[in-house]
Amino acid sequence: MGMAYQAAAIENGAEVFGADGEKVGSVAAVYPGYIVVEKGMFFPTDYYIPMSAIASADGGQVYLNVAKEAALQSGWDAQPGDLETATFDSTMRTGTVEMPMDTAAVSATRMADEEIRIPVMEEELTASVRSQEAGAVRIEKDVITEQRTLDVPVTEERIRVERRVVDRAVNVDDAEAFTDTVIEVPLRTEVVDIQKQARVTGEVVLSKEAVERTERVTDTVRREEVFVDESEVVDATTIEDSERR
């Protein structure tokens, strides 16, 4: 195939595929010795693929004699100095390529090249619990002094003097009459002694138990929203937004 036929068989906008059937990009310009392939939709990159790397061309499709990854890693993203002066040498073309039979794989590759994904993130609010000191309960025992009164029955002896009128003669028992006499009569009484005895009258029992309660916490979270600016678009119907649907 000659150079003129080769160049005429390639059209601007034609899809370029590697030898493995994966899409490389679209033809942006055709030169005698190169084709400029534009890859990527949003951030396009130009690849200057020499005519010698083309296996076949048929209207809207061009197939290379190297795989897609080999084409992208061959350094063809730098514009050659002889872009406009180089000519096609048919003897440099080697190898052939079969047309891809798996159209689903080609469609998947196209979709991967023609879309850009923007992650939309959102924060979630979660909570965890940790143990910490909540203070202490102090139990104090004080000694309190108070007055108490007990009524205790006691017994004591008393002297009762009874004077009687008697008229009789003196007898033997009255021999000591008319003498000074002192008679002592002992008296007894009971004295109250106080004793103190400690007794246990009660007890205070201390115990701890874990009680579950619900505590409401509030904080702010962030989320991302994507806005499509249509101010630079002449015809808004060219934008299809799934959120509107």
Foldseek 3Di string as FASTA:
>chain_A
DDLVVLQVLADFQAWEAELVRFTQATFHDTAQFWTWGWFADPDTATFTHTPLQWQDGHRRYTYGQHHNVCSVPVPRSDDDPCRHPDHHDPVSRDHHGDHDPPVVNHVVNVVVRYDDDDDWDKDDDDDDDDDDDPDDDDDDDDDDDDDDDDDDDKDKDDDDDDDDDDDDDDDPVCVCPPDDDDDDDDIDIDDDDDDDDDDDDDDDDDDDDDDDDDDDDDDDIDTDDDDDDCPPPPDPVVDDDPVVD
